[in-house]
Amino acid sequence: MRASCVGGLALLAFAPISAEAADPTSYTLATYYRCNEATEERADAIVKETIEPLLKKEVDAGRFTAFGWGKHWLGGEWRRVAYIIGTDLDKLLDGRQAYIDALMTQQKKAADEFGAICTSHDDYLWSAIASSRAPGDVARVRGAYGVSTYFECSSQEDEADAILKAAYVPVLNQHVKEGKLVSWTWLRHMMGGKYRRALVLDSADYKSAIKYWGLLGPAIDQAAPTMSARFSDICHSHTDYVWELPAKK
């Protein structure tokens, strides 16, 4: 994979990709930014004023099913995350290119200003292999805050997926039903850095997000202790983030 940065917005040259999944799914292209904390609110304004309208056009054209922008509330070095989602990978990539072309012809000054604030980034392509929502509805409407846990896993990561579906999904779905959680999605790495899986949990507010993350582990340990231990053996390290997810108008 080759990556370049134009105006601070990642432009990836993708090799051909196989979806590798028989079940309907959604695909997420996410860019995780390192930004100047003193001026990152200006980057937020640029996204809202100039970038979101271009992304909305791709939703209206049927190439994206959702897009969003997350602001660091708690976690590591990433300060912002931008993502686009679709159920058809070809359309997602076509829409991304159309958006980039429009950005660089219609809003290049804003893109350059953004790039001076958020000067480096990491890119990932994920596929959703389990979620509380149908593929076309993943991230269409989100909670106000999201906990994203990015996992480093061993070569048995397919086993971790099976454990997730067998042990975690019933608990997660029950918690959505009870209102403890807005939604959840389990993501599989397709391209990008060291993180092989990601669990995204949406909550109504930041206190709920923090409290729920403390609740989930014990709930899984109680429901399926052997599988929980095996999951931790496979996905042996993780990094947690809490993202503030501004509502789109």
Protein backbone atom coordinates (compact mmCIF):
# COMPACT_ATOMS: atom_id res chain seq x y z
CA MET A 1 0.00 0.00 0.00
CA ARG A 2 1.20 3.47 -0.85
CA ALA A 3 -0.12 6.53 0.94
CA SER A 4 0.28 10.19 0.23
CA CYS A 5 -1.23 13.22 1.90
CA VAL A 6 -2.84 16.07 -0.02
CA GLY A 7 -4.08 18.88 2.16
CA GLY A 8 -3.81 16.60 5.16
CA LEU A 9 -6.45 14.23 3.78
CA ALA A 10 -5.22 10.73 3.09
CA LEU A 11 -5.12 9.51 -0.51
CA LEU A 12 -4.52 5.78 -0.64
CA ALA A 13 -3.49 3.70 -3.65
CA PHE A 14 -5.32 0.44 -3.02
CA ALA A 15 -4.33 -2.92 -4.36
CA PRO A 16 -7.24 -5.13 -5.49
CA ILE A 17 -9.14 -6.37 -2.47
CA SER A 18 -11.34 -9.41 -2.02
CA ALA A 19 -14.30 -8.93 0.29
CA GLU A 20 -13.60 -12.42 1.73
CA ALA A 21 -17.04 -12.62 3.33
CA ALA A 22 -20.12 -14.38 2.02
CA ASP A 23 -22.53 -12.58 4.35
CA PRO A 24 -23.66 -9.02 3.58
CA THR A 25 -21.41 -6.55 5.33
CA SER A 26 -20.37 -2.92 5.45
CA TYR A 27 -16.94 -1.48 4.77
CA THR A 28 -15.35 1.41 6.63
CA LEU A 29 -12.51 3.60 5.42
CA ALA A 30 -11.20 5.38 8.52
CA THR A 31 -8.45 7.96 8.83
CA TYR A 32 -7.07 8.59 12.33
CA TYR A 33 -5.43 12.01 12.67
CA ARG A 34 -2.74 13.49 14.87
CA CYS A 35 -3.54 17.18 15.22
CA ASN A 36 -2.31 20.32 16.91
CA GLU A 37 -4.38 20.45 20.09
CA ALA A 38 -4.22 24.25 20.18
CA THR A 39 -5.94 24.60 16.79
CA GLU A 40 -7.82 21.33 16.29
CA GLU A 41 -11.18 23.00 16.86
CA ARG A 42 -10.54 24.90 13.65
CA ALA A 43 -10.14 21.54 11.91
CA ASP A 44 -13.56 20.60 13.30
CA ALA A 45 -15.03 23.75 11.78
CA ILE A 46 -13.44 23.03 8.40
CA VAL A 47 -14.92 19.55 8.40
CA LYS A 48 -18.38 20.86 9.24
CA GLU A 49 -18.29 23.80 6.81
CA THR A 50 -16.58 22.37 3.75
CA ILE A 51 -16.08 18.60 3.97
CA GLU A 52 -19.39 17.28 5.29
CA PRO A 53 -21.40 18.80 2.40
CA LEU A 54 -19.18 16.96 -0.09
CA LEU A 55 -19.59 13.69 1.80
CA LYS A 56 -23.35 14.13 1.98
CA LYS A 57 -23.43 14.31 -1.82
CA GLU A 58 -21.89 10.84 -1.95
CA VAL A 59 -24.54 9.55 0.46
CA ASP A 60 -27.24 11.10 -1.74
CA ALA A 61 -25.62 9.46 -4.78
CA GLY A 62 -25.83 6.05 -3.09
CA ARG A 63 -22.09 5.43 -2.81
CA PHE A 64 -21.80 5.94 0.97
CA THR A 65 -24.32 4.71 3.52
CA ALA A 66 -22.83 6.82 6.32
CA PHE A 67 -19.95 9.12 7.22
CA GLY A 68 -18.75 10.77 10.38
CA TRP A 69 -16.19 12.67 12.39
CA GLY A 70 -15.04 11.80 15.90
CA LYS A 71 -13.28 14.07 18.40
CA HIS A 72 -10.82 12.66 20.95
CA TRP A 73 -12.28 12.57 24.44
CA LEU A 74 -10.04 9.89 25.99
CA GLY A 75 -7.31 7.59 24.72
CA GLY A 76 -4.05 7.64 22.80
CA GLU A 77 -2.32 9.91 20.32
CA TRP A 78 -5.05 10.07 17.69
CA ARG A 79 -6.98 13.32 18.06
CA ARG A 80 -9.62 12.95 15.36
CA VAL A 81 -11.13 10.22 13.21
CA ALA A 82 -12.91 10.59 9.87
CA TYR A 83 -14.78 7.67 8.36
CA ILE A 84 -16.91 6.76 5.37
CA ILE A 85 -19.01 3.60 5.19
CA GLY A 86 -20.69 1.65 2.41
CA THR A 87 -22.03 -1.81 1.64
CA ASP A 88 -20.46 -1.98 -1.83
CA LEU A 89 -16.67 -1.67 -1.79
CA ASP A 90 -16.42 -0.56 -5.42
CA LYS A 91 -18.98 2.19 -4.87
CA LEU A 92 -17.28 3.22 -1.64
CA LEU A 93 -13.94 3.64 -3.40
CA ASP A 94 -15.56 5.45 -6.34
CA GLY A 95 -17.32 7.80 -3.95
CA ARG A 96 -14.12 8.43 -2.05
CA GLN A 97 -12.31 9.40 -5.25
CA ALA A 98 -15.19 11.66 -6.32
CA TYR A 99 -15.13 13.34 -2.92
CA ILE A 100 -11.35 13.87 -3.07
CA ASP A 101 -11.57 15.30 -6.58
CA ALA A 102 -14.29 17.72 -5.47
CA LEU A 103 -12.35 18.68 -2.36
CA MET A 104 -9.18 19.48 -4.26
CA THR A 105 -10.95 21.48 -6.97
CA GLN A 106 -13.61 23.25 -4.90
CA GLN A 107 -12.11 23.52 -1.41
CA LYS A 108 -8.33 23.29 -1.80
CA LYS A 109 -7.65 26.26 0.47
CA ALA A 110 -9.66 24.65 3.26
CA ALA A 111 -7.95 21.30 2.65
CA ASP A 112 -4.54 22.94 2.92
CA GLU A 113 -5.54 24.67 6.17
CA PHE A 114 -6.79 21.37 7.55
CA GLY A 115 -3.50 19.71 6.62
CA ALA A 116 -1.54 22.34 8.53
CA ILE A 117 -3.50 21.46 11.68
CA CYS A 118 -3.76 17.66 11.38
CA THR A 119 -0.34 16.89 9.99
CA SER A 120 -0.18 13.09 10.09
CA HIS A 121 -2.58 10.19 10.04
CA ASP A 122 -3.09 6.41 9.97
CA ASP A 123 -5.45 4.80 7.47
CA TYR A 124 -7.48 1.63 7.92
CA LEU A 125 -9.95 -0.29 5.82
CA TRP A 126 -12.32 -2.37 7.96
CA SER A 127 -15.17 -4.74 7.23
CA ALA A 128 -17.98 -5.24 9.73
CA ILE A 129 -18.43 -8.93 10.46
CA ALA A 130 -20.96 -8.53 13.27
CA SER A 131 -23.17 -5.68 14.43
CA SER A 132 -26.39 -4.82 16.24
CA ARG A 133 -27.47 -3.10 13.03
CA ALA A 134 -28.05 -4.23 9.46
CA PRO A 135 -25.13 -3.52 7.08
CA GLY A 136 -26.81 -0.52 5.49
CA ASP A 137 -27.57 1.01 8.89
CA VAL A 138 -24.13 0.69 10.52
CA ALA A 139 -23.16 4.14 11.88
CA ARG A 140 -26.04 5.83 10.03
CA VAL A 141 -27.27 7.11 13.40
CA ARG A 142 -24.89 6.94 16.34
CA GLY A 143 -24.78 7.68 20.03
CA ALA A 144 -23.20 10.89 21.28
CA TYR A 145 -20.05 9.03 22.39
CA GLY A 146 -18.35 5.89 21.19
CA VAL A 147 -15.80 3.60 22.81
CA SER A 148 -13.50 2.06 20.22
CA THR A 149 -11.15 -0.70 21.33
CA TYR A 150 -8.44 -1.57 18.81
CA PHE A 151 -6.99 -5.05 19.23
CA GLU A 152 -3.66 -6.60 18.35
CA CYS A 153 -4.28 -10.31 17.70
CA SER A 154 -2.37 -13.47 16.87
CA SER A 155 -2.76 -15.70 13.82
CA GLN A 156 -5.84 -17.30 15.44
CA GLU A 157 -7.88 -14.13 14.94
CA ASP A 158 -10.58 -16.04 13.03
CA GLU A 159 -11.12 -18.00 16.25
CA ALA A 160 -11.50 -14.70 18.08
CA ASP A 161 -14.24 -13.78 15.59
CA ALA A 162 -16.03 -17.04 16.32
CA ILE A 163 -15.78 -16.41 20.06
CA LEU A 164 -17.08 -12.89 19.58
CA LYS A 165 -20.14 -14.21 17.77
CA ALA A 166 -20.76 -17.02 20.24
CA ALA A 167 -20.04 -15.31 23.56
CA TYR A 168 -20.15 -11.56 23.08
CA VAL A 169 -23.02 -11.08 20.64
CA PRO A 170 -25.79 -12.40 22.94
CA VAL A 171 -24.59 -10.19 25.78
CA LEU A 172 -24.12 -7.11 23.59
CA ASN A 173 -27.53 -7.51 21.96
CA GLN A 174 -29.19 -7.93 25.34
CA HIS A 175 -27.53 -4.75 26.56
CA VAL A 176 -28.77 -2.86 23.49
CA LYS A 177 -32.27 -4.18 24.22
CA GLU A 178 -31.98 -3.03 27.84
CA GLY A 179 -30.81 0.44 26.80
CA LYS A 180 -27.35 0.13 28.34
CA LEU A 181 -25.83 0.50 24.88
CA VAL A 182 -26.98 2.33 21.74
CA SER A 183 -25.30 0.01 19.24
CA TRP A 184 -22.17 -2.08 18.64
CA THR A 185 -20.05 -3.26 15.70
CA TRP A 186 -17.13 -5.70 15.39
CA LEU A 187 -14.63 -4.78 12.66
CA ARG A 188 -12.10 -6.94 10.81
CA HIS A 189 -8.84 -5.49 9.48
CA MET A 190 -8.53 -5.45 5.70
CA MET A 191 -5.78 -2.85 5.21
CA GLY A 192 -3.86 -0.55 7.52
CA GLY A 193 -1.66 -0.72 10.57
CA LYS A 194 -1.08 -3.07 13.48
CA TYR A 195 -4.61 -3.32 14.84
CA ARG A 196 -6.38 -6.44 13.57
CA ARG A 197 -9.84 -6.04 15.09
CA ALA A 198 -11.93 -3.24 16.57
CA LEU A 199 -14.99 -3.24 18.80
CA VAL A 200 -17.09 -0.07 18.52
CA LEU A 201 -19.65 0.60 21.28
CA ASP A 202 -21.96 3.61 21.05
CA SER A 203 -23.47 5.20 24.15
CA ALA A 204 -25.78 8.11 24.86
CA ASP A 205 -23.17 10.13 26.81
CA TYR A 206 -19.58 9.89 28.00
CA LYS A 207 -20.44 8.65 31.48
CA SER A 208 -22.52 5.84 30.01
CA ALA A 209 -19.65 4.99 27.65
CA ILE A 210 -17.14 4.69 30.48
CA LYS A 211 -19.49 2.78 32.76
CA TYR A 212 -20.46 0.35 30.02
CA TRP A 213 -16.86 -0.49 29.15
CA GLY A 214 -16.36 -1.42 32.81
CA LEU A 215 -19.53 -3.55 32.72
CA LEU A 216 -18.87 -5.56 29.54
CA GLY A 217 -15.79 -7.51 30.62
CA PRO A 218 -17.31 -8.92 33.82
CA ALA A 219 -20.54 -9.73 31.97
CA ILE A 220 -18.65 -11.80 29.38
CA ASP A 221 -16.52 -13.46 32.07
CA GLN A 222 -19.66 -14.55 33.85
CA ALA A 223 -21.53 -15.69 30.72
CA ALA A 224 -18.66 -17.54 29.03
CA PRO A 225 -15.50 -17.61 31.17
CA THR A 226 -13.57 -20.15 29.09
CA MET A 227 -14.23 -18.37 25.80
CA SER A 228 -13.50 -15.00 27.39
CA ALA A 229 -10.08 -16.22 28.52
CA ARG A 230 -9.34 -17.71 25.11
CA PHE A 231 -10.33 -14.46 23.39
CA SER A 232 -7.86 -12.57 25.59
CA ASP A 233 -5.14 -15.06 24.68
CA ILE A 234 -5.68 -14.43 20.97
CA CYS A 235 -6.31 -10.68 21.03
CA HIS A 236 -3.67 -10.10 23.64
CA SER A 237 -3.28 -6.33 23.55
CA HIS A 238 -5.58 -3.40 22.91
CA THR A 239 -5.84 0.38 22.92
CA ASP A 240 -9.02 2.14 24.04
CA TYR A 241 -10.43 5.43 22.82
CA VAL A 242 -13.56 7.38 23.69
CA TRP A 243 -14.73 9.51 20.77
CA GLU A 244 -17.18 12.39 20.95
CA LEU A 245 -19.44 12.05 17.92
CA PRO A 246 -20.95 15.41 16.94
CA ALA A 247 -24.43 15.16 15.43
CA LYS A 248 -24.64 16.00 11.74
CA LYS A 249 -27.29 18.50 10.62
